[in-house]
Amino acid sequence: MFKPFVFKKKLYMFDTDVTGIAYHSKHLEWMEAARVEMLTEIYKPVTHFLDEDNLAFVPIHIDIKYKTPVRFEETLNIEVWVEELSKIKVVLGYKMTKEVDGKAALVSSATVELVSVFGDTKKPRKLPENLVTAIQKSDVFKATESLV
């Protein structure tokens, strides 16, 4: 049953610009933190990817849509899930929300395409079978069809 991984992030002054609104590139940092935590939960710590699997990921496309500003001391709920899985590529979906008047307000949404590469040579590589299996068996796998 599909259920995105949720990562919470409280905003601090260093997350904002002079206006007190979150700086636009910070969304990428928060998405990366959510991705790392999701992979740690469903597979293993990302630091082990290099050591044990000789695996790293390189982003090849990022699409972010900003909807509502987020400010100092507000808390974000960052949802992340796997949209698509192929032999060498993972597409992640993201939705960031904050609470406004007791309801979730969309802050931003995004997709990130990642290509798997060998950690040492940085050349494209097939995703390890144990990672593919972990993703497919997890609740964060939203794709209706896997291309693996």
Protein backbone atom coordinates (compact mmCIF):
# COMPACT_ATOMS: atom_id res chain seq x y z
CA MET A 1 0.00 0.00 0.00
CA PHE A 2 1.48 3.33 -1.05
CA LYS A 3 2.57 5.68 1.71
CA PRO A 4 5.23 8.35 1.16
CA PHE A 5 8.13 8.72 3.55
CA VAL A 6 7.73 11.88 5.67
CA PHE A 7 10.62 14.02 6.88
CA LYS A 8 9.98 17.03 9.14
CA LYS A 9 12.07 20.19 8.93
CA LYS A 10 11.79 23.26 11.14
CA LEU A 11 13.07 26.44 9.49
CA TYR A 12 15.83 28.43 11.13
CA MET A 13 17.28 31.83 10.27
CA PHE A 14 19.98 30.25 8.09
CA ASP A 15 17.22 28.77 5.89
CA THR A 16 15.84 32.20 5.03
CA ASP A 17 16.84 35.25 3.05
CA VAL A 18 16.69 38.88 4.23
CA THR A 19 12.87 38.86 3.89
CA GLY A 20 12.50 35.97 6.35
CA ILE A 21 11.26 33.64 3.60
CA ALA A 22 13.03 30.37 2.82
CA TYR A 23 15.68 30.79 0.16
CA HIS A 24 14.62 28.90 -2.99
CA SER A 25 17.67 26.61 -3.20
CA LYS A 26 17.08 25.37 0.35
CA HIS A 27 14.26 23.22 -1.04
CA LEU A 28 16.94 21.09 -2.76
CA GLU A 29 18.79 20.60 0.53
CA TRP A 30 15.61 19.52 2.31
CA MET A 31 14.70 17.14 -0.52
CA GLU A 32 18.16 15.59 -0.30
CA ALA A 33 17.80 15.13 3.47
CA ALA A 34 14.41 13.44 2.97
CA ARG A 35 15.86 11.15 0.26
CA VAL A 36 18.77 10.10 2.47
CA GLU A 37 16.46 9.34 5.41
CA MET A 38 14.03 7.41 3.18
CA LEU A 39 16.79 5.24 1.69
CA THR A 40 18.25 4.64 5.14
CA GLU A 41 14.88 3.41 6.37
CA ILE A 42 14.02 1.14 3.44
CA TYR A 43 17.51 -0.11 2.53
CA LYS A 44 20.63 1.00 4.41
CA PRO A 45 22.52 4.18 5.30
CA VAL A 46 23.62 6.05 2.18
CA THR A 47 27.21 6.09 3.44
CA HIS A 48 27.20 2.30 3.03
CA PHE A 49 26.19 2.58 -0.65
CA LEU A 50 29.74 3.56 -1.62
CA ASP A 51 31.51 1.13 0.69
CA GLU A 52 29.35 -1.95 0.17
CA ASP A 53 27.72 -1.47 -3.26
CA ASN A 54 30.14 0.92 -5.02
CA LEU A 55 26.99 2.93 -5.75
CA ALA A 56 26.27 6.64 -5.99
CA PHE A 57 23.48 8.71 -7.54
CA VAL A 58 23.79 11.69 -9.86
CA PRO A 59 20.83 14.01 -10.53
CA ILE A 60 20.10 14.48 -14.24
CA HIS A 61 16.85 16.47 -14.02
CA ILE A 62 15.14 18.48 -11.29
CA ASP A 63 11.73 20.13 -11.59
CA ILE A 64 10.45 22.24 -8.69
CA LYS A 65 7.19 24.15 -8.50
CA TYR A 66 7.00 26.73 -5.72
CA LYS A 67 3.49 27.50 -4.43
CA THR A 68 3.52 29.06 -0.96
CA PRO A 69 6.37 30.74 0.92
CA VAL A 70 7.67 29.16 4.09
CA ARG A 71 9.11 31.31 6.86
CA PHE A 72 11.41 31.25 9.85
CA GLU A 73 10.17 28.90 12.63
CA GLU A 74 7.55 27.18 10.47
CA THR A 75 7.74 23.40 10.13
CA LEU A 76 7.65 21.58 6.82
CA ASN A 77 6.41 18.08 6.16
CA ILE A 78 8.47 16.76 3.27
CA GLU A 79 6.99 13.71 1.58
CA VAL A 80 9.16 11.66 -0.77
CA TRP A 81 8.38 8.55 -2.80
CA VAL A 82 9.66 6.57 -5.78
CA GLU A 83 7.73 7.48 -8.94
CA GLU A 84 9.71 5.42 -11.43
CA LEU A 85 12.35 2.73 -11.33
CA SER A 86 14.38 1.55 -14.32
CA LYS A 87 17.63 -0.35 -14.76
CA ILE A 88 19.82 2.67 -13.97
CA LYS A 89 17.39 5.45 -13.03
CA VAL A 90 15.20 6.36 -10.06
CA VAL A 91 12.63 9.16 -10.27
CA LEU A 92 11.58 10.60 -6.92
CA GLY A 93 8.47 12.64 -6.23
CA TYR A 94 8.29 15.25 -3.48
CA LYS A 95 5.58 17.28 -1.81
CA MET A 96 6.34 19.89 0.85
CA THR A 97 3.52 21.20 3.01
CA LYS A 98 3.10 23.37 6.08
CA GLU A 99 0.13 23.77 8.38
CA VAL A 100 -2.05 26.85 7.84
CA ASP A 101 -5.25 27.21 9.86
CA GLY A 102 -5.22 23.49 10.68
CA LYS A 103 -4.88 22.41 7.05
CA ALA A 104 -1.92 21.34 4.94
CA ALA A 105 -0.85 24.09 2.52
CA LEU A 106 1.30 23.10 -0.44
CA VAL A 107 4.70 24.84 -0.27
CA SER A 108 6.32 23.12 -3.24
CA SER A 109 6.32 19.95 -5.29
CA ALA A 110 9.14 18.40 -7.25
CA THR A 111 10.49 15.49 -9.20
CA VAL A 112 14.13 14.49 -9.27
CA GLU A 113 15.63 12.03 -11.75
CA LEU A 114 18.72 10.23 -10.46
CA VAL A 115 21.05 7.97 -12.43
CA SER A 116 23.01 5.28 -10.63
CA VAL A 117 26.76 5.33 -11.15
CA PHE A 118 29.74 3.36 -9.88
CA GLY A 119 31.08 5.22 -6.87
CA ASP A 120 34.69 4.90 -7.97
CA THR A 121 34.49 5.60 -11.73
CA LYS A 122 31.27 7.67 -11.82
CA LYS A 123 30.18 5.69 -14.91
CA PRO A 124 26.52 4.60 -15.24
CA ARG A 125 25.67 1.26 -13.69
CA LYS A 126 22.71 -1.01 -13.15
CA LEU A 127 20.92 -0.61 -9.83
CA PRO A 128 21.81 -3.40 -7.37
CA GLU A 129 19.09 -6.06 -7.23
CA ASN A 130 18.83 -5.85 -3.44
CA LEU A 131 18.12 -2.09 -3.67
CA VAL A 132 15.51 -2.63 -6.40
CA THR A 133 13.82 -5.30 -4.29
CA ALA A 134 13.86 -3.07 -1.19
CA ILE A 135 12.23 -0.22 -3.14
CA GLN A 136 9.60 -2.44 -4.78
CA LYS A 137 8.62 -4.00 -1.45
CA SER A 138 8.43 -0.68 0.39
CA ASP A 139 5.41 1.56 0.87
CA VAL A 140 7.24 4.44 -0.83
CA PHE A 141 7.08 2.75 -4.25
CA LYS A 142 4.27 4.54 -6.09
CA ALA A 143 5.05 3.45 -9.63
CA THR A 144 2.49 1.16 -11.20
CA GLU A 145 5.07 -0.44 -13.44
CA SER A 146 8.73 -1.06 -12.89
CA LEU A 147 11.06 -1.01 -15.86
CA VAL A 148 13.74 -3.10 -14.16
